[in-house]
Amino acid sequence: KYNLISGKIGLFVGKFIERKRPLDFLKLANYYKKNKDIKFVMIGDGELMKDCKKFIQIKNLSNVSILGFCNQKITRDIYNITDVLILPSEYDTWGLVINEAMSCGVSVISSTQCGASYDLIKNKNTGFVYDNKNFKVLLRKFNILINDNEKIKKYKKNSKLLISKFTYSKTIDSINRILNK
């Protein structure tokens, strides 16, 4: 049923709270509001929901869909049709949505303030990182990726390959090595 969303998809998954910066995601959507081939989807809920909806209305953004809170199956279905996850957080201890997206073969653009960005995002391989205070860099990185079909394909494939190496058994082995030192 989500196949009805045609074109390329940028995705935000998270709480609609200040530190997750959902309005940065919407500012990005605003730059592409005349491009009918790029859609922006938001999954989540929170105190900034009204502000996000107001921004969408004021800017007349027909390229944005807010799905609200979604269970894991629906979220996985959305990841499976997504091209780029955007995580603009000003702080995330890890950013588990990066793991989730990559396990579905999604490329990622994340702020450097997300812990997972250091281990999982390899610039020019699985996605890009940027300083969340620099919106122009986010815009430039998204532009580089979303306008190159071959690059999106490559990054999506590389994301799935990289995350497949992070398994329970490797985590247990690492913990055992640390504890036995």
Protein backbone atom coordinates (compact mmCIF):
# COMPACT_ATOMS: atom_id res chain seq x y z
CA LYS A 1 0.00 0.00 0.00
CA TYR A 2 2.98 2.33 0.47
CA ASN A 3 3.94 1.81 -3.16
CA LEU A 4 1.52 4.67 -3.82
CA ILE A 5 4.36 6.97 -2.75
CA SER A 6 6.21 7.33 -6.04
CA GLY A 7 9.59 8.86 -6.69
CA LYS A 8 12.52 9.22 -4.36
CA ILE A 9 11.89 9.33 -0.63
CA GLY A 10 13.66 11.16 2.18
CA LEU A 11 12.63 9.92 5.63
CA PHE A 12 12.63 11.29 9.18
CA VAL A 13 11.99 8.83 12.02
CA GLY A 14 11.93 10.07 15.59
CA LYS A 15 10.25 12.08 18.27
CA PHE A 16 9.06 15.50 17.21
CA ILE A 17 11.13 17.26 19.88
CA GLU A 18 13.61 20.12 19.72
CA ARG A 19 16.81 18.05 19.95
CA LYS A 20 15.69 15.78 17.07
CA ARG A 21 15.26 18.88 14.86
CA PRO A 22 12.26 17.81 12.75
CA LEU A 23 11.95 21.37 11.45
CA ASP A 24 15.36 21.02 9.77
CA PHE A 25 13.91 18.07 7.88
CA LEU A 26 10.97 20.23 6.83
CA LYS A 27 13.29 23.04 5.74
CA LEU A 28 14.98 20.50 3.49
CA ALA A 29 11.58 19.49 2.08
CA ASN A 30 10.83 23.15 1.42
CA TYR A 31 13.83 23.38 -0.93
CA TYR A 32 12.36 20.55 -3.00
CA LYS A 33 8.69 21.51 -2.93
CA LYS A 34 8.58 22.09 -6.69
CA ASN A 35 10.28 18.77 -7.47
CA LYS A 36 7.46 16.24 -7.91
CA ASP A 37 9.94 13.32 -7.95
CA ILE A 38 11.09 13.73 -4.33
CA LYS A 39 8.82 13.04 -1.36
CA PHE A 40 9.49 13.56 2.34
CA VAL A 41 7.95 11.23 4.93
CA MET A 42 7.93 11.70 8.69
CA ILE A 43 7.30 8.95 11.22
CA GLY A 44 6.86 9.96 14.85
CA ASP A 45 4.98 12.21 17.19
CA GLY A 46 5.70 14.69 19.94
CA GLU A 47 5.44 18.22 21.22
CA LEU A 48 6.57 19.80 17.93
CA MET A 49 3.87 18.08 15.85
CA LYS A 50 1.72 21.25 15.75
CA ASP A 51 4.75 23.36 14.75
CA CYS A 52 5.61 20.90 11.99
CA LYS A 53 2.07 20.87 10.64
CA LYS A 54 1.96 24.67 10.80
CA PHE A 55 5.27 24.89 8.87
CA ILE A 56 3.90 22.51 6.23
CA GLN A 57 0.74 24.60 5.89
CA ILE A 58 2.50 27.98 5.78
CA LYS A 59 5.05 26.78 3.20
CA ASN A 60 2.36 24.87 1.28
CA LEU A 61 4.40 21.65 1.25
CA SER A 62 2.49 19.05 -0.72
CA ASN A 63 5.63 16.88 -0.84
CA VAL A 64 5.52 15.98 2.90
CA SER A 65 3.54 13.21 4.58
CA ILE A 66 3.41 12.88 8.37
CA LEU A 67 2.43 9.34 9.29
CA GLY A 68 2.55 9.86 13.06
CA PHE A 69 3.57 7.01 15.32
CA CYS A 70 3.90 3.71 13.42
CA ASN A 71 4.49 0.20 14.69
CA GLN A 72 7.66 -1.68 13.72
CA LYS A 73 6.12 -3.52 10.77
CA ILE A 74 4.81 -0.35 9.15
CA THR A 75 8.08 1.46 9.86
CA ARG A 76 10.00 -1.41 8.22
CA ASP A 77 7.69 -1.23 5.19
CA ILE A 78 8.46 2.50 4.89
CA TYR A 79 12.21 1.91 5.26
CA ASN A 80 12.00 -0.63 2.43
CA ILE A 81 10.79 2.01 -0.03
CA THR A 82 13.02 4.83 1.28
CA ASP A 83 16.12 6.16 -0.45
CA VAL A 84 17.64 8.38 2.26
CA LEU A 85 17.14 8.56 6.02
CA ILE A 86 17.88 12.02 7.39
CA LEU A 87 18.79 12.23 11.08
CA PRO A 88 19.36 15.93 11.90
CA SER A 89 19.54 15.50 15.71
CA GLU A 90 21.52 17.93 17.80
CA TYR A 91 22.19 15.02 20.16
CA ASP A 92 21.59 11.27 20.05
CA THR A 93 23.55 8.85 22.21
CA TRP A 94 23.40 6.31 19.40
CA GLY A 95 20.57 6.87 16.89
CA LEU A 96 19.09 3.38 16.50
CA VAL A 97 17.09 4.51 13.47
CA ILE A 98 20.39 4.42 11.56
CA ASN A 99 20.73 0.69 12.29
CA GLU A 100 17.09 0.09 11.37
CA ALA A 101 17.35 1.99 8.09
CA MET A 102 20.61 0.39 7.05
CA SER A 103 19.25 -3.11 7.76
CA CYS A 104 16.60 -2.32 5.13
CA GLY A 105 19.22 -1.02 2.70
CA VAL A 106 18.69 2.71 3.16
CA SER A 107 21.44 5.30 2.74
CA VAL A 108 21.81 7.76 5.63
CA ILE A 109 22.61 11.41 6.18
CA SER A 110 23.18 12.04 9.89
CA SER A 111 24.48 14.81 12.05
CA THR A 112 27.85 14.15 13.65
CA GLN A 113 26.07 14.45 17.00
CA CYS A 114 24.67 10.91 16.68
CA GLY A 115 26.90 8.21 18.13
CA ALA A 116 26.15 5.72 15.36
CA SER A 117 27.38 8.14 12.71
CA TYR A 118 30.99 7.38 13.66
CA ASP A 119 30.67 3.60 13.36
CA LEU A 120 28.07 3.14 10.66
CA ILE A 121 28.16 6.02 8.22
CA LYS A 122 31.09 5.96 5.87
CA ASN A 123 31.19 9.14 3.80
CA LYS A 124 30.88 8.43 0.09
CA ASN A 125 30.03 4.79 0.85
CA THR A 126 26.87 4.44 2.99
CA GLY A 127 25.88 8.08 3.28
CA PHE A 128 27.12 11.34 4.74
CA VAL A 129 27.59 13.06 8.07
CA TYR A 130 27.35 16.78 8.68
CA ASP A 131 27.47 19.26 11.56
CA ASN A 132 23.83 19.82 12.53
CA LYS A 133 24.45 23.55 12.91
CA ASN A 134 25.22 23.78 9.21
CA PHE A 135 21.99 23.39 7.27
CA LYS A 136 23.71 24.33 4.00
CA VAL A 137 25.92 21.25 4.28
CA LEU A 138 22.86 19.05 4.88
CA LEU A 139 21.26 20.52 1.79
CA ARG A 140 24.42 20.00 -0.27
CA LYS A 141 24.88 16.36 0.89
CA PHE A 142 21.22 15.54 0.22
CA ASN A 143 21.51 17.15 -3.21
CA ILE A 144 24.60 15.08 -4.05
CA LEU A 145 22.84 11.87 -3.10
CA ILE A 146 19.24 12.37 -4.23
CA ASN A 147 20.23 13.52 -7.73
CA ASP A 148 22.45 10.52 -8.51
CA ASN A 149 20.53 7.26 -8.99
CA GLU A 150 23.70 5.17 -9.23
CA LYS A 151 25.07 6.67 -6.03
CA ILE A 152 21.80 6.00 -4.18
CA LYS A 153 21.85 2.39 -5.39
CA LYS A 154 25.48 1.95 -4.34
CA TYR A 155 25.01 3.55 -0.91
CA LYS A 156 21.88 1.51 -0.22
CA LYS A 157 23.70 -1.71 -1.11
CA ASN A 158 26.74 -0.72 0.98
CA SER A 159 24.51 0.17 3.95
CA LYS A 160 22.91 -3.25 4.02
CA LEU A 161 26.28 -4.97 3.62
CA LEU A 162 27.94 -2.96 6.41
CA ILE A 163 25.14 -3.38 8.94
CA SER A 164 24.97 -7.14 8.26
CA LYS A 165 28.40 -7.42 9.92
CA PHE A 166 26.96 -6.18 13.24
CA THR A 167 25.55 -9.38 14.74
CA TYR A 168 24.68 -10.60 18.21
CA SER A 169 27.52 -13.13 18.15
CA LYS A 170 30.08 -10.44 17.27
CA THR A 171 28.73 -8.25 20.07
CA ILE A 172 28.97 -11.12 22.57
CA ASP A 173 32.51 -11.92 21.39
CA SER A 174 33.52 -8.28 21.84
CA ILE A 175 32.05 -8.15 25.35
CA ASN A 176 33.84 -11.39 26.27
CA ARG A 177 37.15 -10.02 24.96
CA ILE A 178 36.72 -6.85 27.03
CA LEU A 179 35.76 -8.76 30.19
CA ASN A 180 38.61 -11.25 29.83
CA LYS A 181 41.38 -8.67 29.48
